[in-house]
Amino acid sequence: MKVEWLGHASFLITSENGTRIITDPYVAGNGLNYAELNETADIVTVSHDHFDHNQVSAVGGNPQVVKEATPAEIKGIKFRGINTYHDANQGKDRGDNVILCFNVDGVNVCHLGDLGHPLSDQQIADVGSVDVLLVPVGGFFTIDAEVATRVCNKIKPRVIIPMHVKNERCEFPIASVDDFLKGKENVKKLDSSEVEFKAGELPDVTGIVVLKPSR
C-alpha cells in the first residue's frame, strides 16, 4: 500500500492491485494554495462538507464516494465510520465530522478528518486497531498538537502521519507540524510525498512519518 500526501487532509492511497483512494479532496484558493489535484480515483472519502475537504468533482475517474458512518464495501475494501464533531461544542460551531477507517492490503488506515475534540473511550473503542493514523494537528479548525498527542496515545497506531498544518502552501491560521513534533521520538521527516507500508513490516513502536505535499 502506498500513501501519497497530496496536501492538507488529502491523500492518495494506492493498493497493490491498483485501487486508488483519495481522502478529503480540496479546491485550491481562499488561503489554500496547493496545486489542483488532477488525479483519478476509484474511491473518494469525505469527512465533512467544507470546501477544503469535499471537492469530489476535482477527482477524475467517476469515483464512488464514502462520506457517512454507514459501513460500505467498494472494490473489496471495507469502510466504516465514527460520527464525531468538527469542534469541541458538539458541532454547534463547525458541524459534524466523520472518522473513516478502512483496510488496504492488510493495513488498517484511519483518517480523522477535521476532528475538533478529544475522543471518548467509546469512540476509541469504535476506531479499533489502527496501523496508519492520518491526524490533523494544526489546531484552530481542528484539534491542536496537545489534543492530537492525547488522541494518538489512546489509539496507539503503528504509524502517525500528521496533516492539516500550516506551511508555505497553506495560509490558514493554524500551526505548523513543528508544535506536534516537539519532544517526540521516532520521527522521520521524508524528503518525499510518498511512503509505502506492508502488513507484517510495520514498526513495533509507534513512529511519526512527516511527508512533503506533492501539490
Protein backbone atom coordinates (compact mmCIF):
# COMPACT_ATOMS: atom_id res chain seq x y z
CA MET A 1 0.00 0.00 0.00
CA LYS A 2 1.34 3.40 -1.00
CA VAL A 3 0.37 6.65 0.71
CA GLU A 4 0.98 9.97 -1.04
CA TRP A 5 0.23 13.25 0.70
CA LEU A 6 -1.39 15.48 -1.89
CA GLY A 7 -1.79 18.32 0.60
CA HIS A 8 -3.91 19.50 3.52
CA ALA A 9 -6.04 16.45 4.52
CA SER A 10 -5.93 14.85 1.09
CA PHE A 11 -4.02 11.64 0.49
CA LEU A 12 -3.83 9.25 -2.44
CA ILE A 13 -3.76 5.66 -1.15
CA THR A 14 -2.98 3.02 -3.75
CA SER A 15 -3.40 -0.69 -3.12
CA GLU A 16 -1.18 -3.41 -4.54
CA ASN A 17 -3.79 -4.19 -7.21
CA GLY A 18 -4.00 -0.54 -8.25
CA THR A 19 -7.19 0.56 -6.48
CA ARG A 20 -6.91 4.28 -5.79
CA ILE A 21 -8.48 6.06 -2.81
CA ILE A 22 -8.37 9.83 -2.35
CA THR A 23 -9.27 11.29 1.03
CA ASP A 24 -10.82 14.72 1.59
CA PRO A 25 -10.17 16.34 -1.81
CA TYR A 26 -9.79 20.11 -1.65
CA VAL A 27 -10.30 23.01 -4.03
CA ALA A 28 -7.38 25.40 -4.29
CA GLY A 29 -7.82 29.03 -3.23
CA ASN A 30 -9.01 31.04 -0.24
CA GLY A 31 -5.68 30.60 1.52
CA LEU A 32 -5.23 27.00 0.43
CA ASN A 33 -2.60 27.32 -2.25
CA TYR A 34 -1.86 23.71 -3.09
CA ALA A 35 -1.99 22.95 -6.81
CA GLU A 36 -5.14 21.45 -8.29
CA LEU A 37 -5.41 17.72 -7.63
CA ASN A 38 -5.52 16.45 -11.25
CA GLU A 39 -5.84 12.85 -10.07
CA THR A 40 -8.21 9.99 -10.78
CA ALA A 41 -9.51 7.58 -8.18
CA ASP A 42 -11.81 4.63 -7.73
CA ILE A 43 -12.98 5.81 -4.30
CA VAL A 44 -13.16 9.19 -2.57
CA THR A 45 -13.71 9.62 1.17
CA VAL A 46 -15.14 12.85 2.59
CA SER A 47 -15.05 13.59 6.32
CA HIS A 48 -17.31 16.67 6.16
CA ASP A 49 -18.79 19.17 3.76
CA HIS A 50 -16.31 22.06 3.77
CA PHE A 51 -14.63 23.29 0.59
CA ASP A 52 -11.16 22.15 1.64
CA HIS A 53 -12.36 18.57 2.18
CA ASN A 54 -15.33 17.76 -0.07
CA GLN A 55 -14.40 18.61 -3.65
CA VAL A 56 -15.26 15.27 -5.20
CA SER A 57 -15.65 16.98 -8.56
CA ALA A 58 -11.90 17.70 -8.51
CA VAL A 59 -11.20 13.97 -8.80
CA GLY A 60 -11.43 12.22 -12.15
CA GLY A 61 -12.44 8.66 -12.90
CA ASN A 62 -16.05 8.77 -11.67
CA PRO A 63 -15.15 7.55 -8.16
CA GLN A 64 -17.59 6.11 -5.65
CA VAL A 65 -17.93 8.33 -2.61
CA VAL A 66 -17.83 7.37 1.07
CA LYS A 67 -18.95 10.18 3.38
CA GLU A 68 -21.09 8.60 6.07
CA ALA A 69 -20.50 6.35 9.05
CA THR A 70 -22.63 3.61 7.49
CA PRO A 71 -20.42 0.59 6.65
CA ALA A 72 -19.69 0.14 2.96
CA GLU A 73 -17.61 -2.17 0.78
CA ILE A 74 -16.17 -0.95 -2.51
CA LYS A 75 -13.78 -2.95 -4.68
CA GLY A 76 -13.21 -5.33 -1.81
CA ILE A 77 -12.25 -2.58 0.64
CA LYS A 78 -14.45 -2.26 3.72
CA PHE A 79 -15.14 1.20 5.10
CA ARG A 80 -16.67 2.13 8.44
CA GLY A 81 -17.12 5.47 10.10
CA ILE A 82 -17.41 7.02 13.53
CA ASN A 83 -19.53 10.12 13.92
CA THR A 84 -17.69 12.96 15.65
CA TYR A 85 -17.65 16.76 15.58
CA HIS A 86 -15.65 19.47 13.85
CA ASP A 87 -15.40 21.42 17.12
CA ALA A 88 -15.42 20.99 20.88
CA ASN A 89 -19.01 22.24 21.14
CA GLN A 90 -20.81 19.15 19.78
CA GLY A 91 -20.88 20.54 16.26
CA LYS A 92 -22.55 23.83 17.14
CA ASP A 93 -19.61 25.85 15.81
CA ARG A 94 -18.48 23.95 12.70
CA GLY A 95 -20.75 20.95 12.29
CA ASP A 96 -20.16 17.24 12.10
CA ASN A 97 -17.11 15.18 11.18
CA VAL A 98 -16.80 11.51 10.25
CA ILE A 99 -13.71 9.47 11.10
CA LEU A 100 -13.24 6.89 8.37
CA CYS A 101 -11.44 3.59 8.87
CA PHE A 102 -10.59 1.07 6.16
CA ASN A 103 -8.20 -1.78 5.43
CA VAL A 104 -5.91 -1.79 2.39
CA ASP A 105 -3.67 -4.80 1.73
CA GLY A 106 -3.96 -5.87 5.36
CA VAL A 107 -3.06 -2.43 6.71
CA ASN A 108 -5.65 -0.66 8.89
CA VAL A 109 -5.90 3.02 7.93
CA CYS A 110 -7.77 5.68 9.90
CA HIS A 111 -8.39 9.24 8.64
CA LEU A 112 -9.56 11.52 11.43
CA GLY A 113 -10.82 14.26 9.11
CA ASP A 114 -11.24 17.63 10.83
CA LEU A 115 -11.68 16.19 14.29
CA GLY A 116 -12.29 19.03 16.73
CA HIS A 117 -12.32 17.37 20.15
CA PRO A 118 -10.76 14.57 22.23
CA LEU A 119 -12.22 11.14 21.62
CA SER A 120 -14.27 9.36 24.26
CA ASP A 121 -13.38 5.86 25.39
CA GLN A 122 -16.29 4.54 23.33
CA GLN A 123 -15.08 6.35 20.23
CA ILE A 124 -11.58 4.99 20.75
CA ALA A 125 -13.06 1.50 21.00
CA ASP A 126 -15.09 2.10 17.84
CA VAL A 127 -11.96 3.18 15.95
CA GLY A 128 -10.31 -0.07 16.97
CA SER A 129 -6.90 -1.27 15.83
CA VAL A 130 -5.04 1.22 13.63
CA ASP A 131 -1.80 0.75 11.74
CA VAL A 132 -1.61 4.11 9.93
CA LEU A 133 -3.28 7.14 11.51
CA LEU A 134 -3.81 10.31 9.47
CA VAL A 135 -4.27 13.00 12.11
CA PRO A 136 -4.88 16.78 11.99
CA VAL A 137 -2.52 18.64 14.31
CA GLY A 138 -2.74 22.32 13.32
CA GLY A 139 -5.38 23.48 15.79
CA PHE A 140 -7.92 26.31 15.45
CA PHE A 141 -10.18 24.46 12.99
CA THR A 142 -9.19 21.04 14.40
CA ILE A 143 -7.55 19.51 17.43
CA ASP A 144 -4.19 21.08 18.25
CA ALA A 145 -0.84 19.44 18.93
CA GLU A 146 -1.64 18.69 22.58
CA VAL A 147 -5.02 17.09 21.94
CA ALA A 148 -3.72 15.28 18.86
CA THR A 149 -0.98 13.78 21.01
CA ARG A 150 -3.54 12.54 23.53
CA VAL A 151 -5.68 11.05 20.75
CA CYS A 152 -2.65 9.29 19.25
CA ASN A 153 -1.62 7.94 22.65
CA LYS A 154 -5.07 6.42 23.10
CA ILE A 155 -5.38 4.95 19.60
CA LYS A 156 -1.80 3.62 19.66
CA PRO A 157 -1.23 3.31 15.90
CA ARG A 158 1.93 1.85 14.39
CA VAL A 159 2.48 4.95 12.24
CA ILE A 160 1.27 8.54 12.62
CA ILE A 161 1.14 10.86 9.60
CA PRO A 162 0.35 14.49 10.54
CA MET A 163 -1.88 16.57 8.26
CA HIS A 164 -3.90 19.81 8.19
CA VAL A 165 -0.92 22.02 9.08
CA LYS A 166 0.34 25.46 8.12
CA ASN A 167 3.10 25.58 5.53
CA GLU A 168 4.16 27.67 2.53
CA ARG A 169 1.10 26.42 0.62
CA CYS A 170 -1.45 26.77 3.41
CA GLU A 171 -2.15 30.24 4.80
CA PHE A 172 -4.83 29.14 7.25
CA PRO A 173 -4.38 30.44 10.83
CA ILE A 174 -3.16 27.08 12.08
CA ALA A 175 0.13 25.76 13.46
CA SER A 176 2.91 24.06 11.58
CA VAL A 177 3.76 20.42 12.22
CA ASP A 178 6.63 21.50 14.48
CA ASP A 179 4.38 22.01 17.52
CA PHE A 180 3.20 18.41 17.26
CA LEU A 181 6.72 17.04 16.85
CA LYS A 182 8.18 18.74 19.93
CA GLY A 183 9.56 16.22 22.43
CA LYS A 184 8.57 13.21 20.34
CA GLU A 185 10.82 10.32 19.38
CA ASN A 186 10.86 8.04 16.33
CA VAL A 187 10.21 10.91 13.91
CA LYS A 188 11.11 10.53 10.24
CA LYS A 189 10.98 13.61 8.05
CA LEU A 190 10.96 12.33 4.49
CA ASP A 191 12.11 14.35 1.50
CA SER A 192 9.19 12.79 -0.34
CA SER A 193 5.42 12.96 -0.59
CA GLU A 194 5.06 9.18 -0.67
CA VAL A 195 5.67 6.25 1.64
CA GLU A 196 4.89 2.56 1.35
CA PHE A 197 3.60 0.22 4.05
CA LYS A 198 3.26 -3.55 4.07
CA ALA A 199 1.36 -5.71 6.53
CA GLY A 200 3.81 -7.59 8.72
CA GLU A 201 6.53 -4.98 8.20
CA LEU A 202 5.15 -2.17 10.32
CA PRO A 203 7.15 -0.84 13.29
CA ASP A 204 6.60 -2.34 16.73
CA VAL A 205 6.97 1.09 18.36
CA THR A 206 4.79 3.96 17.16
CA GLY A 207 6.61 6.22 14.74
CA ILE A 208 5.79 9.53 13.10
CA VAL A 209 6.29 10.00 9.36
CA VAL A 210 6.28 13.58 8.08
CA LEU A 211 5.67 13.85 4.35
CA LYS A 212 6.06 16.73 1.91
CA PRO A 213 2.93 17.69 -0.01
CA SER A 214 3.06 16.73 -3.67
CA ARG A 215 0.82 19.56 -4.82
